[in-house]
Amino acid sequence: MLDGFQHLPDYLTSQHQSDIIKILHTVLHQAPVFIPTMPRTGKPFSVKMSNCGSLGWVSDQTSGYRYQPRHPDTDQPWPKMPEFFLKLWNEITAYPHLPEACLINFYDKSAKMGLHKDCDEQDFSAPVLSISLGDSAIFRIGGKTRKDKAVSLNLHSGDIVVLGGEARFAYHGVTRIRPGTSQLLKRNFPKMFPEGGRLNLTLRRVTKA
């Protein structure tokens, strides 16, 4: 495992998770989930997503991967970064500059995310902080090249992962969701996510301070 990788199991209590769910009700009402598509091919991702913060990550066939200040469907600014997220960032990362984007990825029972690096940001000295909510997932993390050995971890609701230092450049992804391991989304988002699933929030600094 590369230096700078942290797995903080059960970091968020049930109350913390409930607080985040309340926040997400507001965020996802203002910025509904959309389906990004791959550059060049236009193939849809298996995850749905949204963002909050001054910038949001998007992808489409025409312009590819990028950060932009407005929702691709509504053309409205992303919701403001919640104070609770900023507090977590300060508690865990000790990075002196605040995150500008929080990616919100929704995984249903069949969704996955191939091995990739987070490299669309300008500030690679800043870590990426990842929050898991809802169903458990098999998280895969390797090294700086695709050929490096990768290991699998179970991520559960309330877990936090940090990719900093050398691990900021590690290939990582989600190979499988474990359906039914949590009722968090099904109970709190019955209309939006009636079968439950997993929400993954990643806090990122995008621009150089």
Protein backbone atom coordinates (compact mmCIF):
# COMPACT_ATOMS: atom_id res chain seq x y z
CA MET A 1 0.00 0.00 0.00
CA LEU A 2 1.39 3.40 -0.97
CA ASP A 3 2.27 5.93 1.73
CA GLY A 4 -0.49 8.43 2.34
CA PHE A 5 -3.37 5.94 2.13
CA GLN A 6 -5.70 5.90 5.12
CA HIS A 7 -8.73 3.73 5.81
CA LEU A 8 -10.77 4.98 8.77
CA PRO A 9 -13.47 2.35 9.42
CA ASP A 10 -16.64 3.46 11.23
CA TYR A 11 -15.36 7.03 11.43
CA LEU A 12 -18.89 8.40 11.03
CA THR A 13 -21.38 7.46 13.72
CA SER A 14 -25.02 6.72 12.92
CA GLN A 15 -25.84 10.29 13.93
CA HIS A 16 -23.16 11.67 11.62
CA GLN A 17 -24.55 9.62 8.76
CA SER A 18 -28.08 10.86 9.49
CA ASP A 19 -26.79 14.44 9.50
CA ILE A 20 -25.17 13.93 6.09
CA ILE A 21 -28.35 12.36 4.71
CA LYS A 22 -30.31 15.48 5.73
CA ILE A 23 -27.72 17.62 3.96
CA LEU A 24 -27.94 15.48 0.82
CA HIS A 25 -31.72 15.84 0.68
CA THR A 26 -31.20 19.56 0.13
CA VAL A 27 -28.20 19.18 -2.18
CA LEU A 28 -29.81 16.60 -4.47
CA HIS A 29 -33.04 18.59 -4.66
CA GLN A 30 -31.06 21.58 -5.93
CA ALA A 31 -28.66 19.54 -8.09
CA PRO A 32 -30.39 16.32 -9.27
CA VAL A 33 -28.30 13.29 -10.15
CA PHE A 34 -27.29 12.96 -13.80
CA ILE A 35 -25.53 10.27 -15.83
CA PRO A 36 -22.07 11.27 -17.10
CA THR A 37 -20.81 9.80 -20.37
CA MET A 38 -17.38 8.72 -21.54
CA PRO A 39 -15.26 10.96 -23.74
CA ARG A 40 -15.09 9.92 -27.41
CA THR A 41 -17.51 6.96 -27.13
CA GLY A 42 -20.39 8.67 -25.30
CA LYS A 43 -20.99 5.45 -23.34
CA PRO A 44 -22.91 6.21 -20.11
CA PHE A 45 -21.26 5.57 -16.76
CA SER A 46 -22.86 2.89 -14.57
CA VAL A 47 -22.93 5.42 -11.71
CA LYS A 48 -25.17 8.45 -11.43
CA MET A 49 -23.72 11.57 -9.90
CA SER A 50 -24.06 15.12 -8.68
CA ASN A 51 -21.79 17.67 -6.99
CA CYS A 52 -21.68 20.46 -4.46
CA GLY A 53 -19.13 23.18 -3.91
CA SER A 54 -17.88 25.96 -6.16
CA LEU A 55 -16.85 23.41 -8.79
CA GLY A 56 -18.29 20.08 -9.89
CA TRP A 57 -16.81 17.21 -11.89
CA VAL A 58 -18.58 16.25 -15.12
CA SER A 59 -17.87 14.19 -18.23
CA ASP A 60 -19.41 14.01 -21.68
CA GLN A 61 -18.53 12.89 -25.18
CA THR A 62 -17.85 16.39 -26.47
CA SER A 63 -15.62 17.97 -23.84
CA GLY A 64 -14.43 15.01 -21.76
CA TYR A 65 -13.51 15.01 -18.07
CA ARG A 66 -13.49 18.42 -16.39
CA TYR A 67 -14.61 20.61 -13.51
CA GLN A 68 -17.15 23.36 -14.09
CA PRO A 69 -19.17 25.75 -11.89
CA ARG A 70 -22.64 24.77 -13.15
CA HIS A 71 -24.84 21.65 -13.36
CA PRO A 72 -24.74 20.19 -16.91
CA ASP A 73 -28.53 19.67 -17.08
CA THR A 74 -30.03 22.57 -15.10
CA ASP A 75 -27.24 25.09 -15.84
CA GLN A 76 -27.55 26.25 -12.23
CA PRO A 77 -24.58 26.77 -9.88
CA TRP A 78 -23.77 23.79 -7.69
CA PRO A 79 -25.07 23.98 -4.11
CA LYS A 80 -22.69 25.50 -1.60
CA MET A 81 -20.21 23.18 0.11
CA PRO A 82 -21.81 22.16 3.44
CA GLU A 83 -20.05 23.26 6.61
CA PHE A 84 -20.18 19.69 7.92
CA PHE A 85 -18.01 18.55 4.99
CA LEU A 86 -15.51 21.33 5.57
CA LYS A 87 -15.29 20.34 9.23
CA LEU A 88 -14.51 16.73 8.27
CA TRP A 89 -11.85 17.91 5.84
CA ASN A 90 -10.14 19.98 8.53
CA GLU A 91 -10.38 17.19 11.12
CA ILE A 92 -8.91 14.48 8.92
CA THR A 93 -6.61 15.96 6.31
CA ALA A 94 -4.92 18.90 8.08
CA TYR A 95 -4.54 20.38 4.58
CA PRO A 96 -4.42 24.19 4.83
CA HIS A 97 -6.76 24.95 1.92
CA LEU A 98 -10.42 24.00 1.71
CA PRO A 99 -11.96 21.61 -0.84
CA GLU A 100 -13.75 23.15 -3.78
CA ALA A 101 -15.68 20.13 -5.02
CA CYS A 102 -17.61 17.27 -3.49
CA LEU A 103 -18.43 14.57 -6.03
CA ILE A 104 -21.54 12.56 -5.13
CA ASN A 105 -21.59 9.19 -6.88
CA PHE A 106 -24.58 6.85 -6.60
CA TYR A 107 -23.99 3.12 -7.11
CA ASP A 108 -26.93 0.78 -7.60
CA LYS A 109 -26.45 -2.98 -7.22
CA SER A 110 -24.86 -3.36 -10.67
CA ALA A 111 -22.70 -0.22 -10.76
CA LYS A 112 -18.91 -0.24 -10.61
CA MET A 113 -15.97 2.07 -11.23
CA GLY A 114 -12.94 0.85 -13.16
CA LEU A 115 -9.40 1.42 -11.93
CA HIS A 116 -8.46 5.04 -12.51
CA LYS A 117 -6.42 7.94 -11.14
CA ASP A 118 -7.91 11.23 -10.00
CA CYS A 119 -5.89 13.54 -12.21
CA ASP A 120 -8.25 16.28 -13.42
CA GLU A 121 -7.25 18.60 -10.57
CA GLN A 122 -4.46 21.20 -10.58
CA ASP A 123 -3.43 20.76 -6.94
CA PHE A 124 -2.02 17.26 -6.47
CA SER A 125 -0.56 18.15 -3.09
CA ALA A 126 -4.10 18.08 -1.69
CA PRO A 127 -5.54 14.71 -0.64
CA VAL A 128 -8.83 13.22 -1.78
CA LEU A 129 -11.20 12.41 1.09
CA SER A 130 -13.83 9.74 0.38
CA ILE A 131 -16.98 9.03 2.42
CA SER A 132 -19.02 5.83 2.10
CA LEU A 133 -22.77 5.78 2.82
CA GLY A 134 -25.25 2.95 2.35
CA ASP A 135 -24.46 -0.47 0.92
CA SER A 136 -20.97 -1.89 1.38
CA ALA A 137 -18.57 -1.96 -1.57
CA ILE A 138 -15.45 -3.81 -2.66
CA PHE A 139 -12.81 -1.11 -3.10
CA ARG A 140 -9.71 -1.89 -5.11
CA ILE A 141 -6.46 0.07 -4.81
CA GLY A 142 -3.11 -0.50 -6.49
CA GLY A 143 -0.01 1.48 -7.29
CA LYS A 144 1.05 4.25 -9.63
CA THR A 145 0.79 2.06 -12.74
CA ARG A 146 -1.91 -0.33 -13.89
CA LYS A 147 0.56 -3.21 -13.66
CA ASP A 148 1.17 -2.72 -9.92
CA LYS A 149 -0.42 -5.21 -7.55
CA ALA A 150 -3.84 -4.14 -6.25
CA VAL A 151 -5.59 -5.16 -3.05
CA SER A 152 -9.29 -5.24 -2.17
CA LEU A 153 -10.95 -3.71 0.89
CA ASN A 154 -14.51 -3.83 2.15
CA LEU A 155 -15.87 -0.32 2.64
CA HIS A 156 -18.95 0.02 4.83
CA SER A 157 -21.34 2.85 5.56
CA GLY A 158 -19.54 5.40 7.72
CA ASP A 159 -16.05 4.50 6.52
CA ILE A 160 -13.67 7.18 5.29
CA VAL A 161 -10.72 6.73 2.93
CA VAL A 162 -7.99 9.30 2.29
CA LEU A 163 -5.69 9.28 -0.73
CA GLY A 164 -2.77 11.60 0.02
CA GLY A 165 0.97 11.68 -0.55
CA GLU A 166 2.09 8.90 -2.89
CA ALA A 167 -1.37 7.31 -2.67
CA ARG A 168 -2.81 10.43 -4.33
CA PHE A 169 -1.53 8.93 -7.60
CA ALA A 170 -2.74 5.37 -6.97
CA TYR A 171 -5.05 3.53 -9.34
CA HIS A 172 -8.28 2.72 -7.53
CA GLY A 173 -11.88 1.75 -8.21
CA VAL A 174 -15.00 -0.07 -7.04
CA THR A 175 -15.44 -3.62 -8.35
CA ARG A 176 -18.71 -4.58 -6.70
CA ILE A 177 -21.55 -3.39 -4.50
CA ARG A 178 -23.02 -5.66 -1.81
CA PRO A 179 -26.78 -5.09 -2.17
CA GLY A 180 -28.90 -5.08 0.96
CA THR A 181 -26.03 -4.56 3.41
CA SER A 182 -27.53 -1.21 4.46
CA GLN A 183 -31.02 0.27 4.56
CA LEU A 184 -29.73 3.85 4.83
CA LEU A 185 -30.62 5.03 1.33
CA LYS A 186 -33.74 2.93 0.94
CA ARG A 187 -35.08 4.30 4.22
CA ASN A 188 -34.14 7.94 3.65
CA PHE A 189 -34.51 8.26 -0.15
CA PRO A 190 -37.44 5.93 -0.95
CA LYS A 191 -38.41 7.83 -4.10
CA MET A 192 -34.94 8.63 -5.42
CA PHE A 193 -33.23 5.35 -4.49
CA PRO A 194 -36.09 2.85 -3.86
CA GLU A 195 -33.80 -0.20 -3.95
CA GLY A 196 -31.11 1.37 -1.78
CA GLY A 197 -27.52 1.38 -2.95
CA ARG A 198 -24.36 3.29 -2.11
CA LEU A 199 -23.43 6.96 -2.10
CA ASN A 200 -19.76 7.87 -2.28
CA LEU A 201 -18.78 11.46 -1.54
CA THR A 202 -15.28 12.62 -2.48
CA LEU A 203 -13.96 15.97 -1.32
CA ARG A 204 -11.32 17.51 -3.55
CA ARG A 205 -9.23 20.62 -3.86
CA VAL A 206 -9.20 21.48 -7.56
CA THR A 207 -7.22 24.69 -8.13
CA LYS A 208 -3.86 25.69 -6.70
CA ALA A 209 -4.15 28.07 -3.79
